Amino acid sequence: MAAKKPAKKPARRTKSSPVRPRAGGSSTRSLDSRGQLIEATLGIIMEKGIDAVRIDDVVAEVGVTTGSLYWHFEDRHGLVKAAIAEQIRRMSAETVTGVSEALAQSATKDDYLARITPFLVDPFDTARVRERWGRLGILVETRNDPELKEMMRDVQARHLDVVVELMEDAQRRGFLRDDLDARSVAVALNVINLGSTVIDVLGDDAPDPAAWWGLIGFFIDSLFPPDASRA
């Protein structure tokens, strides 16, 4: 009688090759861990910069294995790209939402001006200042990485296209002069937004808030057609 063959042992799985999650709870946890990994990476980037991102630090903060990270992202570069894209997406969504709501809810030029001015360029709001510093830091750090630089260009271009559409909508509603190029206006608002970070650098030498708002109000008011009102 032939000897019975021993049962074949299951192949060992390494940390770098985790099991694909099944449908149900495991899949949900997998999706959650991806978001948590991005969140942890983004926190490091915003506080210390891209060079400070370490795989071991990220997985330790989230409480997952290195293999879990590599299941979601090809490498550290892929993780960093995902985190940067998420940060730009958040800021873009906030800007688009704010401008859209201002257009939809404003009945007069003064109402629109009051709603949109602080939203776009508030250099005295601590949270917004931090966001702008983070965005500037990302722009600077991605400048010397061709792949990240190209990704940033694409993300910024998509965001700009949405803002241009909003500016064109403002022109149709009579809130923006129709002799102005909508794309140039969108870029100018973006430049003012980022450039206002200089106020944080100046500290005590920064302009008085009332004087700053007066100037920004004057600039934005100049974009309106004469005697503008809601159509």
C-alpha atoms as a PDB file:
ATOM      1  CA  MET A   1       0.000   0.000   0.000  1.00  0.00           C
ATOM      2  CA  ALA A   2       1.468   3.310  -1.064  1.00  0.00           C
ATOM      3  CA  ALA A   3       2.419   5.754   1.655  1.00  0.00           C
ATOM      4  CA  LYS A   4      -0.018   8.618   2.104  1.00  0.00           C
ATOM      5  CA  LYS A   5       1.424  11.896   0.897  1.00  0.00           C
ATOM      6  CA  PRO A   6       1.612  14.625   3.530  1.00  0.00           C
ATOM      7  CA  ALA A   7      -0.819  17.535   3.088  1.00  0.00           C
ATOM      8  CA  LYS A   8       0.689  20.458   1.211  1.00  0.00           C
ATOM      9  CA  LYS A   9       1.387  23.417   3.448  1.00  0.00           C
ATOM     10  CA  PRO A  10      -0.157  26.731   2.386  1.00  0.00           C
ATOM     11  CA  ALA A  11       2.289  29.191   0.881  1.00  0.00           C
ATOM     12  CA  ARG A  12       3.568  31.759   3.315  1.00  0.00           C
ATOM     13  CA  ARG A  13       2.537  35.302   2.648  1.00  0.00           C
ATOM     14  CA  THR A  14       5.040  38.056   3.076  1.00  0.00           C
ATOM     15  CA  LYS A  15       4.313  41.512   4.379  1.00  0.00           C
ATOM     16  CA  SER A  16       4.932  42.914   0.941  1.00  0.00           C
ATOM     17  CA  SER A  17       2.243  40.683  -0.583  1.00  0.00           C
ATOM     18  CA  PRO A  18      -0.908  40.981   1.553  1.00  0.00           C
ATOM     19  CA  VAL A  19      -4.113  39.124   0.736  1.00  0.00           C
ATOM     20  CA  ARG A  20      -6.557  40.969  -1.514  1.00  0.00           C
ATOM     21  CA  PRO A  21      -9.512  41.910   0.680  1.00  0.00           C
ATOM     22  CA  ARG A  22     -12.800  40.088   0.130  1.00  0.00           C
ATOM     23  CA  ALA A  23     -16.129  41.802  -0.251  1.00  0.00           C
ATOM     24  CA  GLY A  24     -17.675  43.026   2.958  1.00  0.00           C
ATOM     25  CA  GLY A  25     -16.012  44.231   6.128  1.00  0.00           C
ATOM     26  CA  SER A  26     -12.441  43.448   5.067  1.00  0.00           C
ATOM     27  CA  SER A  27     -12.838  45.528   1.927  1.00  0.00           C
ATOM     28  CA  THR A  28     -14.178  48.446   3.941  1.00  0.00           C
ATOM     29  CA  ARG A  29     -11.263  48.243   6.363  1.00  0.00           C
ATOM     30  CA  SER A  30      -8.875  48.162   3.397  1.00  0.00           C
ATOM     31  CA  LEU A  31     -10.403  51.302   1.932  1.00  0.00           C
ATOM     32  CA  ASP A  32     -10.261  52.957   5.361  1.00  0.00           C
ATOM     33  CA  SER A  33      -6.590  52.087   5.773  1.00  0.00           C
ATOM     34  CA  ARG A  34      -5.777  53.658   2.426  1.00  0.00           C
ATOM     35  CA  GLY A  35      -7.398  56.895   3.520  1.00  0.00           C
ATOM     36  CA  GLN A  36      -5.631  56.751   6.859  1.00  0.00           C
ATOM     37  CA  LEU A  37      -2.275  56.224   5.167  1.00  0.00           C
ATOM     38  CA  ILE A  38      -2.890  59.240   2.950  1.00  0.00           C
ATOM     39  CA  GLU A  39      -3.995  61.300   5.942  1.00  0.00           C
ATOM     40  CA  ALA A  40      -0.900  60.382   7.964  1.00  0.00           C
ATOM     41  CA  THR A  41       1.390  61.136   5.016  1.00  0.00           C
ATOM     42  CA  LEU A  42      -0.325  64.439   4.372  1.00  0.00           C
ATOM     43  CA  GLY A  43       0.122  65.445   7.987  1.00  0.00           C
ATOM     44  CA  ILE A  44       3.858  64.826   7.731  1.00  0.00           C
ATOM     45  CA  ILE A  45       4.125  66.727   4.445  1.00  0.00           C
ATOM     46  CA  MET A  46       2.236  69.738   5.775  1.00  0.00           C
ATOM     47  CA  GLU A  47       4.270  69.885   8.982  1.00  0.00           C
ATOM     48  CA  LYS A  48       7.766  68.808   7.882  1.00  0.00           C
ATOM     49  CA  GLY A  49       7.849  68.546   4.089  1.00  0.00           C
ATOM     50  CA  ILE A  50       7.983  65.731   1.541  1.00  0.00           C
ATOM     51  CA  ASP A  51      11.522  64.644   2.439  1.00  0.00           C
ATOM     52  CA  ALA A  52      10.354  63.843   5.981  1.00  0.00           C
ATOM     53  CA  VAL A  53       7.948  61.123   4.816  1.00  0.00           C
ATOM     54  CA  ARG A  54       9.199  57.711   6.001  1.00  0.00           C
ATOM     55  CA  ILE A  55       7.308  54.488   5.317  1.00  0.00           C
ATOM     56  CA  ASP A  56       7.997  53.139   8.809  1.00  0.00           C
ATOM     57  CA  ASP A  57       6.665  56.321  10.435  1.00  0.00           C
ATOM     58  CA  VAL A  58       3.487  56.283   8.349  1.00  0.00           C
ATOM     59  CA  VAL A  59       2.577  52.642   8.994  1.00  0.00           C
ATOM     60  CA  ALA A  60       3.382  53.026  12.696  1.00  0.00           C
ATOM     61  CA  GLU A  61       1.056  56.001  13.003  1.00  0.00           C
ATOM     62  CA  VAL A  62      -1.799  54.236  11.188  1.00  0.00           C
ATOM     63  CA  GLY A  63      -1.163  50.883  12.861  1.00  0.00           C
ATOM     64  CA  VAL A  64      -0.901  48.722   9.729  1.00  0.00           C
ATOM     65  CA  THR A  65       1.832  46.590   8.201  1.00  0.00           C
ATOM     66  CA  THR A  66       4.261  47.711   5.554  1.00  0.00           C
ATOM     67  CA  GLY A  67       2.654  45.139   3.282  1.00  0.00           C
ATOM     68  CA  SER A  68      -0.705  46.851   3.698  1.00  0.00           C
ATOM     69  CA  LEU A  69       0.823  50.119   2.528  1.00  0.00           C
ATOM     70  CA  TYR A  70       2.369  48.481  -0.526  1.00  0.00           C
ATOM     71  CA  TRP A  71      -0.973  46.903  -1.332  1.00  0.00           C
ATOM     72  CA  HIS A  72      -2.417  50.374  -1.861  1.00  0.00           C
ATOM     73  CA  PHE A  73       0.650  52.172  -3.203  1.00  0.00           C
ATOM     74  CA  GLU A  74       3.426  50.945  -5.458  1.00  0.00           C
ATOM     75  CA  ASP A  75       6.109  52.719  -3.467  1.00  0.00           C
ATOM     76  CA  ARG A  76       6.828  55.755  -1.320  1.00  0.00           C
ATOM     77  CA  HIS A  77       6.604  57.971  -4.381  1.00  0.00           C
ATOM     78  CA  GLY A  78       3.104  56.724  -5.112  1.00  0.00           C
ATOM     79  CA  LEU A  79       2.060  57.402  -1.524  1.00  0.00           C
ATOM     80  CA  VAL A  80       3.408  60.941  -1.645  1.00  0.00           C
ATOM     81  CA  LYS A  81       1.660  61.592  -4.964  1.00  0.00           C
ATOM     82  CA  ALA A  82      -1.656  60.393  -3.556  1.00  0.00           C
ATOM     83  CA  ALA A  83      -1.280  62.605  -0.476  1.00  0.00           C
ATOM     84  CA  ILE A  84      -0.440  65.704  -2.521  1.00  0.00           C
ATOM     85  CA  ALA A  85      -3.308  65.072  -4.923  1.00  0.00           C
ATOM     86  CA  GLU A  86      -5.696  64.741  -1.974  1.00  0.00           C
ATOM     87  CA  GLN A  87      -4.542  68.015  -0.440  1.00  0.00           C
ATOM     88  CA  ILE A  88      -4.965  69.930  -3.682  1.00  0.00           C
ATOM     89  CA  ARG A  89      -8.350  68.268  -4.219  1.00  0.00           C
ATOM     90  CA  ARG A  90      -9.537  69.429  -0.799  1.00  0.00           C
ATOM     91  CA  MET A  91      -8.433  72.998  -1.296  1.00  0.00           C
ATOM     92  CA  SER A  92      -9.894  73.090  -4.790  1.00  0.00           C
ATOM     93  CA  ALA A  93     -13.220  71.704  -3.583  1.00  0.00           C
ATOM     94  CA  GLU A  94     -13.389  74.311  -0.821  1.00  0.00           C
ATOM     95  CA  THR A  95     -12.701  77.158  -3.238  1.00  0.00           C
ATOM     96  CA  VAL A  96     -15.192  75.906  -5.814  1.00  0.00           C
ATOM     97  CA  THR A  97     -17.879  75.384  -3.175  1.00  0.00           C
ATOM     98  CA  GLY A  98     -17.381  78.849  -1.726  1.00  0.00           C
ATOM     99  CA  VAL A  99     -17.500  80.646  -5.067  1.00  0.00           C
ATOM    100  CA  SER A 100     -20.473  78.574  -6.239  1.00  0.00           C
ATOM    101  CA  GLU A 101     -22.443  79.359  -3.092  1.00  0.00           C
ATOM    102  CA  ALA A 102     -21.608  83.046  -3.355  1.00  0.00           C
ATOM    103  CA  LEU A 103     -22.941  83.104  -6.918  1.00  0.00           C
ATOM    104  CA  ALA A 104     -26.063  81.134  -6.059  1.00  0.00           C
ATOM    105  CA  GLN A 105     -27.001  82.969  -2.864  1.00  0.00           C
ATOM    106  CA  SER A 106     -26.114  86.574  -3.653  1.00  0.00           C
ATOM    107  CA  ALA A 107     -28.916  88.898  -4.711  1.00  0.00           C
ATOM    108  CA  THR A 108     -26.813  92.022  -5.250  1.00  0.00           C
ATOM    109  CA  LYS A 109     -23.276  93.039  -6.073  1.00  0.00           C
ATOM    110  CA  ASP A 110     -22.630  94.112  -2.477  1.00  0.00           C
ATOM    111  CA  ASP A 111     -23.942  90.773  -1.205  1.00  0.00           C
ATOM    112  CA  TYR A 112     -21.694  88.852  -3.593  1.00  0.00           C
ATOM    113  CA  LEU A 113     -18.704  91.014  -2.682  1.00  0.00           C
ATOM    114  CA  ALA A 114     -19.267  90.437   1.037  1.00  0.00           C
ATOM    115  CA  ARG A 115     -19.562  86.675   0.582  1.00  0.00           C
ATOM    116  CA  ILE A 116     -16.608  86.060  -1.708  1.00  0.00           C
ATOM    117  CA  THR A 117     -13.916  88.467  -0.464  1.00  0.00           C
ATOM    118  CA  PRO A 118     -13.035  86.888   2.917  1.00  0.00           C
ATOM    119  CA  PHE A 119     -13.366  83.397   1.460  1.00  0.00           C
ATOM    120  CA  LEU A 120     -10.769  83.926  -1.262  1.00  0.00           C
ATOM    121  CA  VAL A 121      -8.141  85.993   0.504  1.00  0.00           C
ATOM    122  CA  ASP A 122      -8.283  85.890   4.297  1.00  0.00           C
ATOM    123  CA  PRO A 123      -4.630  86.182   5.380  1.00  0.00           C
ATOM    124  CA  PHE A 124      -5.643  86.653   9.010  1.00  0.00           C
ATOM    125  CA  ASP A 125      -7.400  83.303   9.427  1.00  0.00           C
ATOM    126  CA  THR A 126      -4.958  80.899  11.118  1.00  0.00           C
ATOM    127  CA  ALA A 127      -6.339  77.766   9.467  1.00  0.00           C
ATOM    128  CA  ARG A 128      -6.250  79.286   5.987  1.00  0.00           C
ATOM    129  CA  VAL A 129      -2.735  80.628   6.524  1.00  0.00           C
ATOM    130  CA  ARG A 130      -1.572  77.122   7.435  1.00  0.00           C
ATOM    131  CA  GLU A 131      -3.237  75.690   4.329  1.00  0.00           C
ATOM    132  CA  ARG A 132      -1.569  78.262   2.085  1.00  0.00           C
ATOM    133  CA  TRP A 133       1.839  77.598   3.634  1.00  0.00           C
ATOM    134  CA  GLY A 134       1.328  73.902   3.035  1.00  0.00           C
ATOM    135  CA  ARG A 135       0.370  74.494  -0.566  1.00  0.00           C
ATOM    136  CA  LEU A 136       3.379  76.737  -1.144  1.00  0.00           C
ATOM    137  CA  GLY A 137       5.626  74.134   0.424  1.00  0.00           C
ATOM    138  CA  ILE A 138       4.241  71.447  -1.846  1.00  0.00           C
ATOM    139  CA  LEU A 139       4.721  73.640  -4.922  1.00  0.00           C
ATOM    140  CA  VAL A 140       8.342  74.323  -3.985  1.00  0.00           C
ATOM    141  CA  GLU A 141       9.193  70.710  -3.157  1.00  0.00           C
ATOM    142  CA  THR A 142       7.622  69.261  -6.283  1.00  0.00           C
ATOM    143  CA  ARG A 143       9.425  71.719  -8.536  1.00  0.00           C
ATOM    144  CA  ASN A 144      12.567  69.569  -8.717  1.00  0.00           C
ATOM    145  CA  ASP A 145      10.741  66.267  -9.228  1.00  0.00           C
ATOM    146  CA  PRO A 146       9.602  65.979 -12.880  1.00  0.00           C
ATOM    147  CA  GLU A 147       6.893  63.414 -12.110  1.00  0.00           C
ATOM    148  CA  LEU A 148       5.437  65.282  -9.148  1.00  0.00           C
ATOM    149  CA  LYS A 149       5.739  68.576 -10.991  1.00  0.00           C
ATOM    150  CA  GLU A 150       3.738  67.189 -13.910  1.00  0.00           C
ATOM    151  CA  MET A 151       1.108  65.817 -11.537  1.00  0.00           C
ATOM    152  CA  MET A 152       0.814  69.204  -9.823  1.00  0.00           C
ATOM    153  CA  ARG A 153       0.449  70.909 -13.179  1.00  0.00           C
ATOM    154  CA  ASP A 154      -2.392  68.583 -14.159  1.00  0.00           C
ATOM    155  CA  VAL A 155      -4.195  68.967 -10.830  1.00  0.00           C
ATOM    156  CA  GLN A 156      -3.841  72.749 -10.860  1.00  0.00           C
ATOM    157  CA  ALA A 157      -4.994  72.921 -14.482  1.00  0.00           C
ATOM    158  CA  ARG A 158      -8.145  70.917 -13.699  1.00  0.00           C
ATOM    159  CA  HIS A 159      -8.869  73.150 -10.720  1.00  0.00           C
ATOM    160  CA  LEU A 160      -8.318  76.262 -12.823  1.00  0.00           C
ATOM    161  CA  ASP A 161     -10.733  75.006 -15.478  1.00  0.00           C
ATOM    162  CA  VAL A 162     -13.471  74.697 -12.847  1.00  0.00           C
ATOM    163  CA  VAL A 163     -12.815  78.213 -11.521  1.00  0.00           C
ATOM    164  CA  VAL A 164     -12.860  79.556 -15.078  1.00  0.00           C
ATOM    165  CA  GLU A 165     -16.314  78.047 -15.530  1.00  0.00           C
ATOM    166  CA  LEU A 166     -17.423  79.801 -12.354  1.00  0.00           C
ATOM    167  CA  MET A 167     -16.037  83.107 -13.619  1.00  0.00           C
ATOM    168  CA  GLU A 168     -17.892  82.631 -16.897  1.00  0.00           C
ATOM    169  CA  ASP A 169     -21.046  81.962 -14.893  1.00  0.00           C
ATOM    170  CA  ALA A 170     -20.381  85.183 -12.966  1.00  0.00           C
ATOM    171  CA  GLN A 171     -20.177  87.026 -16.285  1.00  0.00           C
ATOM    172  CA  ARG A 172     -23.530  85.606 -17.372  1.00  0.00           C
ATOM    173  CA  ARG A 173     -25.074  86.678 -14.050  1.00  0.00           C
ATOM    174  CA  GLY A 174     -23.681  90.178 -14.333  1.00  0.00           C
ATOM    175  CA  PHE A 175     -21.172  89.842 -11.464  1.00  0.00           C
ATOM    176  CA  LEU A 176     -18.060  90.035 -13.667  1.00  0.00           C
ATOM    177  CA  ARG A 177     -17.253  92.355 -16.553  1.00  0.00           C
ATOM    178  CA  ASP A 178     -17.644  90.532 -19.846  1.00  0.00           C
ATOM    179  CA  ASP A 179     -14.659  92.338 -21.371  1.00  0.00           C
ATOM    180  CA  LEU A 180     -12.319  90.504 -18.979  1.00  0.00           C
ATOM    181  CA  ASP A 181     -10.757  87.142 -19.757  1.00  0.00           C
ATOM    182  CA  ALA A 182     -12.274  84.627 -17.318  1.00  0.00           C
ATOM    183  CA  ARG A 183      -9.084  82.539 -17.195  1.00  0.00           C
ATOM    184  CA  SER A 184      -6.927  85.554 -16.353  1.00  0.00           C
ATOM    185  CA  VAL A 185      -9.316  86.506 -13.547  1.00  0.00           C
ATOM    186  CA  ALA A 186      -9.197  82.953 -12.166  1.00  0.00           C
ATOM    187  CA  VAL A 187      -5.382  82.968 -12.187  1.00  0.00           C
ATOM    188  CA  ALA A 188      -5.252  86.436 -10.581  1.00  0.00           C
ATOM    189  CA  LEU A 189      -7.483  85.312  -7.700  1.00  0.00           C
ATOM    190  CA  ASN A 190      -5.268  82.272  -7.192  1.00  0.00           C
ATOM    191  CA  VAL A 191      -2.117  84.421  -7.180  1.00  0.00           C
ATOM    192  CA  ILE A 192      -3.603  86.817  -4.617  1.00  0.00           C
ATOM    193  CA  ASN A 193      -4.642  83.893  -2.468  1.00  0.00           C
ATOM    194  CA  LEU A 194      -1.171  82.357  -2.342  1.00  0.00           C
ATOM    195  CA  GLY A 195       0.656  85.680  -2.300  1.00  0.00           C
ATOM    196  CA  SER A 196      -1.247  86.857   0.764  1.00  0.00           C
ATOM    197  CA  THR A 197       0.969  84.477   2.759  1.00  0.00           C
ATOM    198  CA  VAL A 198       3.508  87.315   2.766  1.00  0.00           C
ATOM    199  CA  ILE A 199       1.334  89.015   5.388  1.00  0.00           C
ATOM    200  CA  ASP A 200       2.126  86.169   7.783  1.00  0.00           C
ATOM    201  CA  VAL A 201       5.836  86.642   7.082  1.00  0.00           C
ATOM    202  CA  LEU A 202       5.649  90.367   7.824  1.00  0.00           C
ATOM    203  CA  GLY A 203       4.210  89.821  11.280  1.00  0.00           C
ATOM    204  CA  ASP A 204       3.917  93.180  13.091  1.00  0.00           C
ATOM    205  CA  ASP A 205       4.876  94.990   9.876  1.00  0.00           C
ATOM    206  CA  ALA A 206       1.834  93.594   8.044  1.00  0.00           C
ATOM    207  CA  PRO A 207      -0.868  96.012   6.905  1.00  0.00           C
ATOM    208  CA  ASP A 208      -3.822  96.776   9.140  1.00  0.00           C
ATOM    209  CA  PRO A 209      -6.635  94.266   8.472  1.00  0.00           C
ATOM    210  CA  ALA A 210      -9.130  97.014   7.711  1.00  0.00           C
ATOM    211  CA  ALA A 211      -6.738  98.573   5.199  1.00  0.00           C
ATOM    212  CA  TRP A 212      -6.101  95.188   3.592  1.00  0.00           C
ATOM    213  CA  TRP A 213      -9.789  94.406   3.220  1.00  0.00           C
ATOM    214  CA  GLY A 214     -10.361  97.862   1.790  1.00  0.00           C
ATOM    215  CA  LEU A 215      -7.762  97.252  -0.910  1.00  0.00           C
ATOM    216  CA  ILE A 216      -9.009  93.742  -1.752  1.00  0.00           C
ATOM    217  CA  GLY A 217     -12.574  94.996  -1.843  1.00  0.00           C
ATOM    218  CA  PHE A 218     -11.507  97.753  -4.233  1.00  0.00           C
ATOM    219  CA  PHE A 219      -9.793  95.213  -6.502  1.00  0.00           C
ATOM    220  CA  ILE A 220     -12.710  92.809  -6.610  1.00  0.00           C
ATOM    221  CA  ASP A 221     -15.201  95.662  -6.986  1.00  0.00           C
ATOM    222  CA  SER A 222     -13.294  96.781 -10.097  1.00  0.00           C
ATOM    223  CA  LEU A 223     -14.108  93.415 -11.700  1.00  0.00           C
ATOM    224  CA  PHE A 224     -17.843  94.143 -11.635  1.00  0.00           C
ATOM    225  CA  PRO A 225     -19.642  95.755 -14.566  1.00  0.00           C
ATOM    226  CA  PRO A 226     -20.880  99.310 -13.912  1.00  0.00           C
ATOM    227  CA  ASP A 227     -24.089  99.245 -11.831  1.00  0.00           C
ATOM    228  CA  ALA A 228     -23.907  95.465 -11.553  1.00  0.00           C
ATOM    229  CA  SER A 229     -26.932  93.685 -10.126  1.00  0.00           C
ATOM    230  CA  ARG A 230     -28.241  90.148 -10.109  1.00  0.00           C
ATOM    231  CA  ALA A 231     -29.926  89.212 -13.405  1.00  0.00           C
END
